[in-house]
Protein backbone atom coordinates (compact mmCIF):
# COMPACT_ATOMS: atom_id res chain seq x y z
CA MET A 1 1.70 69.80 128.28
CA ARG A 2 1.59 66.16 130.21
CA VAL A 3 0.21 62.98 129.54
CA VAL A 4 0.53 59.23 130.41
CA SER A 5 1.11 56.93 127.44
CA LEU A 6 1.32 53.37 128.15
CA LEU A 7 3.43 50.75 125.80
CA PHE A 8 2.10 47.41 125.46
CA HIS A 9 3.54 44.77 122.76
CA ASP A 10 1.74 41.41 122.26
CA VAL A 11 -0.99 39.31 124.18
CA TYR A 12 -0.94 35.65 124.16
CA ALA A 13 -2.93 32.61 125.10
CA ALA A 14 -0.46 29.95 125.50
CA ASP A 15 2.82 31.06 124.05
CA PRO A 16 4.71 34.55 123.25
CA GLY A 17 5.45 33.12 119.69
CA GLU A 18 1.79 33.21 118.89
CA SER A 19 1.93 36.73 117.81
CA GLY A 20 4.53 39.39 116.86
CA PHE A 21 8.31 38.90 116.53
CA ARG A 22 9.79 35.61 117.94
CA SER A 23 12.82 35.73 120.05
CA GLN A 24 13.50 35.75 123.89
CA ALA A 25 14.21 39.63 123.69
CA ALA A 26 10.70 40.06 122.48
CA ASP A 27 8.81 37.90 124.57
CA ARG A 28 10.04 40.05 127.44
CA TYR A 29 7.54 42.39 126.58
CA LYS A 30 4.80 40.05 125.81
CA LEU A 31 1.67 39.66 128.51
CA SER A 32 -0.57 36.41 128.87
CA ILE A 33 -4.36 37.38 128.38
CA PRO A 34 -4.99 37.58 132.27
CA ASP A 35 -1.89 39.51 133.04
CA PHE A 36 -2.97 42.08 130.16
CA GLU A 37 -6.75 41.72 131.47
CA ALA A 38 -5.56 42.46 134.91
CA GLN A 39 -3.70 45.56 133.68
CA LEU A 40 -6.81 46.96 131.96
CA ASP A 41 -9.00 46.26 134.87
CA GLY A 42 -6.42 48.46 136.86
CA LEU A 43 -6.88 51.30 134.61
CA ALA A 44 -10.44 51.23 134.54
CA ASP A 45 -10.36 51.29 138.63
CA ALA A 46 -8.14 54.08 138.28
CA GLY A 47 -10.93 55.97 136.60
CA VAL A 48 -9.74 56.27 133.11
CA GLY A 49 -12.65 57.14 131.37
CA THR A 50 -12.15 57.30 127.44
CA ALA A 51 -8.42 56.53 126.64
CA LEU A 52 -7.42 59.68 124.63
CA LEU A 53 -6.14 59.11 120.70
CA ALA A 54 -3.40 61.27 119.47
CA SER A 55 -5.38 61.97 116.66
CA ALA A 56 -8.10 64.01 118.75
CA PHE A 57 -5.30 66.93 118.97
CA VAL A 58 -3.48 66.23 115.29
CA ALA A 59 -7.02 66.86 113.92
CA SER A 60 -7.78 69.79 115.99
CA GLY A 61 -4.60 71.54 114.80
CA ASP A 62 -3.47 71.67 118.48
CA ARG A 63 -1.03 69.08 119.07
CA ARG A 64 -1.30 69.09 122.87
CA PRO A 65 -3.73 66.75 125.20
CA PRO A 66 -6.37 68.55 127.00
CA ALA A 67 -5.90 70.21 130.37
CA GLY A 68 -6.65 68.74 133.59
CA ARG A 69 -6.10 65.36 134.94
CA LEU A 70 -3.31 63.48 133.14
CA PRO A 71 -4.80 61.68 130.00
CA ALA A 72 -4.08 58.06 129.59
CA LEU A 73 -3.19 56.48 125.72
CA ILE A 74 -3.04 53.32 125.18
CA THR A 75 -0.11 52.02 122.60
CA PHE A 76 0.75 48.88 120.79
CA ASP A 77 3.88 48.07 118.75
CA ASP A 78 4.98 45.85 116.35
CA GLY A 79 1.65 44.81 114.35
CA GLY A 80 1.29 41.62 116.06
CA GLU A 81 -2.18 39.58 115.18
CA SER A 82 -3.09 39.65 118.90
CA TYR A 83 -3.69 43.37 118.64
CA TYR A 84 -6.54 42.17 116.23
CA ALA A 85 -7.25 38.92 117.76
CA THR A 86 -7.18 40.00 121.45
CA ALA A 87 -6.62 43.24 122.56
CA ALA A 88 -8.80 45.34 120.56
CA ASP A 89 -11.51 43.17 121.53
CA ARG A 90 -10.63 43.90 125.46
CA LEU A 91 -10.27 47.68 125.03
CA GLU A 92 -13.54 47.93 123.05
CA ALA A 93 -15.22 46.17 125.78
CA LEU A 94 -14.27 49.11 128.17
CA GLY A 95 -15.44 51.66 125.58
CA TRP A 96 -11.75 52.32 124.43
CA ARG A 97 -9.62 52.40 121.65
CA GLY A 98 -5.87 52.11 121.11
CA HIS A 99 -2.95 53.02 118.98
CA CYS A 100 -1.37 50.32 116.69
CA PHE A 101 1.79 50.80 115.22
CA VAL A 102 2.67 48.64 112.29
CA THR A 103 5.86 47.13 110.88
CA THR A 104 4.55 47.41 107.54
CA ASP A 105 7.22 45.12 105.72
CA LEU A 106 5.82 42.07 108.02
CA VAL A 107 1.93 42.65 107.01
CA GLY A 108 0.43 39.51 106.30
CA GLN A 109 3.66 37.33 107.55
CA ARG A 110 3.22 34.48 110.34
CA GLY A 111 2.26 36.35 113.54
CA PHE A 112 1.46 39.84 112.09
CA MET A 113 -1.78 41.38 111.21
CA THR A 114 -3.14 41.37 107.61
CA ALA A 115 -4.09 44.11 105.39
CA ALA A 116 -7.67 43.23 106.01
CA GLN A 117 -7.20 43.15 109.46
CA ILE A 118 -5.56 46.59 109.79
CA ARG A 119 -8.54 48.15 107.65
CA GLU A 120 -11.11 46.72 109.77
CA LEU A 121 -9.25 48.07 112.95
CA ASP A 122 -9.11 51.44 111.44
CA ALA A 123 -12.80 51.16 110.58
CA ARG A 124 -13.37 50.44 114.49
CA GLY A 125 -11.68 53.26 115.47
CA HIS A 126 -8.35 52.31 116.62
CA LEU A 127 -5.58 54.67 115.43
CA ILE A 128 -2.97 52.86 112.99
CA GLY A 129 0.23 54.46 112.68
CA THR A 130 3.69 53.54 111.28
CA HIS A 131 6.55 51.55 113.47
CA SER A 132 8.76 51.72 110.32
CA ALA A 133 9.00 49.68 107.36
CA SER A 134 11.27 47.09 108.67
CA HIS A 135 11.87 47.48 112.42
CA PRO A 136 15.85 48.20 112.31
CA SER A 137 17.38 46.75 115.07
CA ARG A 138 18.85 50.18 116.14
CA PHE A 139 16.88 52.91 114.61
CA SER A 140 19.11 55.81 115.77
CA ALA A 141 21.96 54.22 114.36
CA LEU A 142 20.71 54.60 110.75
CA THR A 143 21.97 57.07 108.22
CA VAL A 144 19.35 60.08 107.85
CA ALA A 145 18.70 58.69 104.12
CA GLU A 146 18.00 55.08 105.93
CA MET A 147 15.61 56.57 108.30
CA ARG A 148 13.75 58.85 105.68
CA ARG A 149 13.30 55.56 103.77
CA GLU A 150 11.75 53.67 106.89
CA TRP A 151 9.48 56.37 107.74
CA SER A 152 8.22 57.28 103.98
CA GLN A 153 8.00 53.73 102.87
CA SER A 154 5.99 52.83 105.92
CA ARG A 155 3.58 55.74 106.02
CA GLN A 156 3.14 55.41 102.09
CA ALA A 157 2.16 51.50 102.45
CA LEU A 158 -0.27 52.29 105.36
CA GLU A 159 -1.74 55.21 103.44
CA ASP A 160 -2.23 52.95 100.37
CA LEU A 161 -3.91 50.32 102.39
CA LEU A 162 -6.39 52.70 104.54
CA GLY A 163 -6.93 55.23 101.78
CA ARG A 164 -6.26 58.13 103.84
CA ALA A 165 -3.17 60.12 105.64
CA VAL A 166 -1.10 58.45 108.38
CA THR A 167 0.55 61.21 110.62
CA VAL A 168 1.28 59.24 113.79
CA GLY A 169 4.33 56.50 114.50
CA SER A 170 6.52 55.30 117.00
CA VAL A 171 10.04 54.66 116.99
CA PRO A 172 11.05 51.02 116.86
CA GLY A 173 13.10 49.25 119.50
CA GLY A 174 13.11 52.54 121.69
CA TYR A 175 16.20 53.85 119.96
CA PHE A 176 15.30 57.49 119.53
CA SER A 177 16.94 60.45 118.66
CA ALA A 178 16.43 64.09 117.64
CA ALA A 179 17.39 63.19 114.01
CA ALA A 180 14.77 60.41 114.02
CA ALA A 181 11.97 62.88 114.72
CA ARG A 182 13.43 65.57 112.57
CA VAL A 183 13.10 63.09 109.68
CA ALA A 184 9.82 61.72 110.90
CA ALA A 185 8.41 65.34 110.66
CA GLU A 186 10.06 65.58 106.78
CA ALA A 187 8.31 62.39 106.31
CA GLY A 188 4.83 64.09 107.07
CA LEU A 189 4.71 62.33 110.65
CA ARG A 190 2.81 64.78 113.26
CA VAL A 191 3.05 62.77 116.38
CA LEU A 192 6.13 60.31 117.29
CA PHE A 193 6.00 58.23 120.34
CA THR A 194 9.21 57.32 122.08
CA SER A 195 10.29 54.77 124.78
CA GLU A 196 11.40 57.21 127.24
CA PRO A 197 9.31 56.97 130.50
CA THR A 198 8.09 60.69 130.59
CA THR A 199 4.92 62.42 130.81
CA GLY A 200 6.27 65.65 129.05
CA THR A 201 5.50 66.19 125.37
CA SER A 202 8.23 68.30 123.00
CA SER A 203 8.13 69.53 119.70
CA ILE A 204 11.02 68.66 116.97
CA GLY A 205 9.83 70.67 113.83
CA ASP A 206 6.45 70.08 113.11
CA CYS A 207 6.56 66.84 115.32
CA THR A 208 5.13 66.31 118.88
CA VAL A 209 7.12 63.65 120.37
CA ILE A 210 5.42 61.86 123.41
CA GLY A 211 6.97 59.41 125.76
CA ARG A 212 5.74 56.17 127.23
CA PHE A 213 5.77 53.77 129.97
CA THR A 214 6.36 50.15 128.92
CA ILE A 215 4.36 47.27 130.47
CA ARG A 216 6.31 44.12 130.27
CA ARG A 217 6.01 40.68 131.63
CA GLY A 218 6.57 40.48 135.46
CA HIS A 219 5.12 43.67 135.99
CA ALA A 220 2.74 43.94 139.08
CA PRO A 221 -0.89 43.23 138.24
CA ASP A 222 -1.72 46.89 138.80
CA GLN A 223 1.47 48.67 137.10
CA ALA A 224 -0.59 50.51 134.50
CA GLN A 225 -2.77 51.87 137.15
CA ARG A 226 0.69 52.97 139.23
CA PHE A 227 1.78 54.94 136.27
CA VAL A 228 -1.40 56.61 135.60
CA LEU A 229 -2.13 57.66 139.36
CA THR A 230 1.55 57.66 141.15
CA PRO A 231 4.34 59.94 140.47
CA SER A 232 6.82 57.96 142.31
CA ALA A 233 6.18 55.12 139.98
CA ARG A 234 6.62 57.02 137.05
CA CYS A 235 9.78 58.51 138.43
CA ALA A 236 11.10 54.98 139.19
CA ALA A 237 10.47 53.81 135.74
CA TRP A 238 12.25 57.11 134.38
CA THR A 239 15.22 56.57 136.85
CA GLY A 240 15.75 52.94 135.48
CA TRP A 241 15.18 53.60 131.81
CA ASN A 242 18.05 56.32 132.23
CA ALA A 243 20.33 54.04 134.19
CA LYS A 244 19.74 51.22 131.46
CA ALA A 245 20.60 53.47 128.96
CA ILE A 246 24.19 53.79 130.39
CA VAL A 247 24.50 50.26 131.49
CA LYS A 248 23.25 48.56 128.23
CA PRO A 249 26.30 49.82 125.99
CA LEU A 250 29.01 48.44 128.96
CA LEU A 251 27.42 45.35 129.26
CA GLY A 252 26.87 44.59 125.55
CA PRO A 253 25.71 41.17 124.85
CA SER A 254 25.57 40.16 128.47
CA TYR A 255 22.90 42.62 128.99
CA ALA A 256 20.33 40.41 127.67
CA ARG A 257 21.39 37.40 129.94
CA ILE A 258 21.31 39.66 133.05
CA ALA A 259 17.72 41.22 131.87
CA ASP A 260 16.25 38.17 131.54
CA TRP A 261 17.94 36.72 135.07
CA LEU A 262 16.42 40.04 136.78
CA LEU A 263 13.08 39.59 134.95
CA ALA A 264 12.64 36.18 136.10
CA ALA A 265 13.71 36.83 139.62
CA LYS A 266 10.98 39.89 139.95
CA THR A 267 8.26 37.63 138.38
CA SER A 268 8.99 35.04 141.27
CA SER A 269 8.71 37.59 143.67
CA ASN A 270 5.59 39.04 142.40
CA HIS A 271 3.96 35.68 141.92
CA GLY A 272 5.69 34.34 145.15
């Protein structure tokens, strides 16, 4: 089964440091409020009716999205407070709900949502999931025991907070591996989102694995719409992602500087 899952991070009014992680690397994935609204407008124009929630096919026992036109899912990683303060309201104005993946060790810390805010979002129909406990810098490099601890502790923290089962999560940092999914399944997760830009879904153990198309700073205002409607845009994202997977280890620390330069050049081009 195929689905277009869109990955957002934080939204800011004046400064990217307002919400979520505070670093140059994190800022690449944060959108200003006007840029975020432009992406949502594009999705609305694309005819996205009601953004699908993974819980719809988890609860049914059939962990496959419905047949027909490729459905869209909207996801946010990290648990930054901008999801509560800004993004959720914008989604609800369109009649949509999103997936909000929380780094549980950071709940209540500066720039991150509080327990009360997470409970309220859950009551409003947003899907709360785990984004690990501590957001390791390279999740796939953890030992099996460390992965198990990250998934289990985070899932337990959210279940204690919400008073119900939490069965959906996303891999932090985009560092996915089959082992991460297997351990997630053992820890009770039934759907796991990755950062690989693909519409295909797969199963590892009892866990359905779903890729995502990342929306980042510097993207064209209609990038989300392109991902939903245009196979060539999805193909380009997949090609670029795989090229990055090869180049990133070769460049080492230089990769971040080169990525920032390319992003700045792209942003200038898009707004020129």
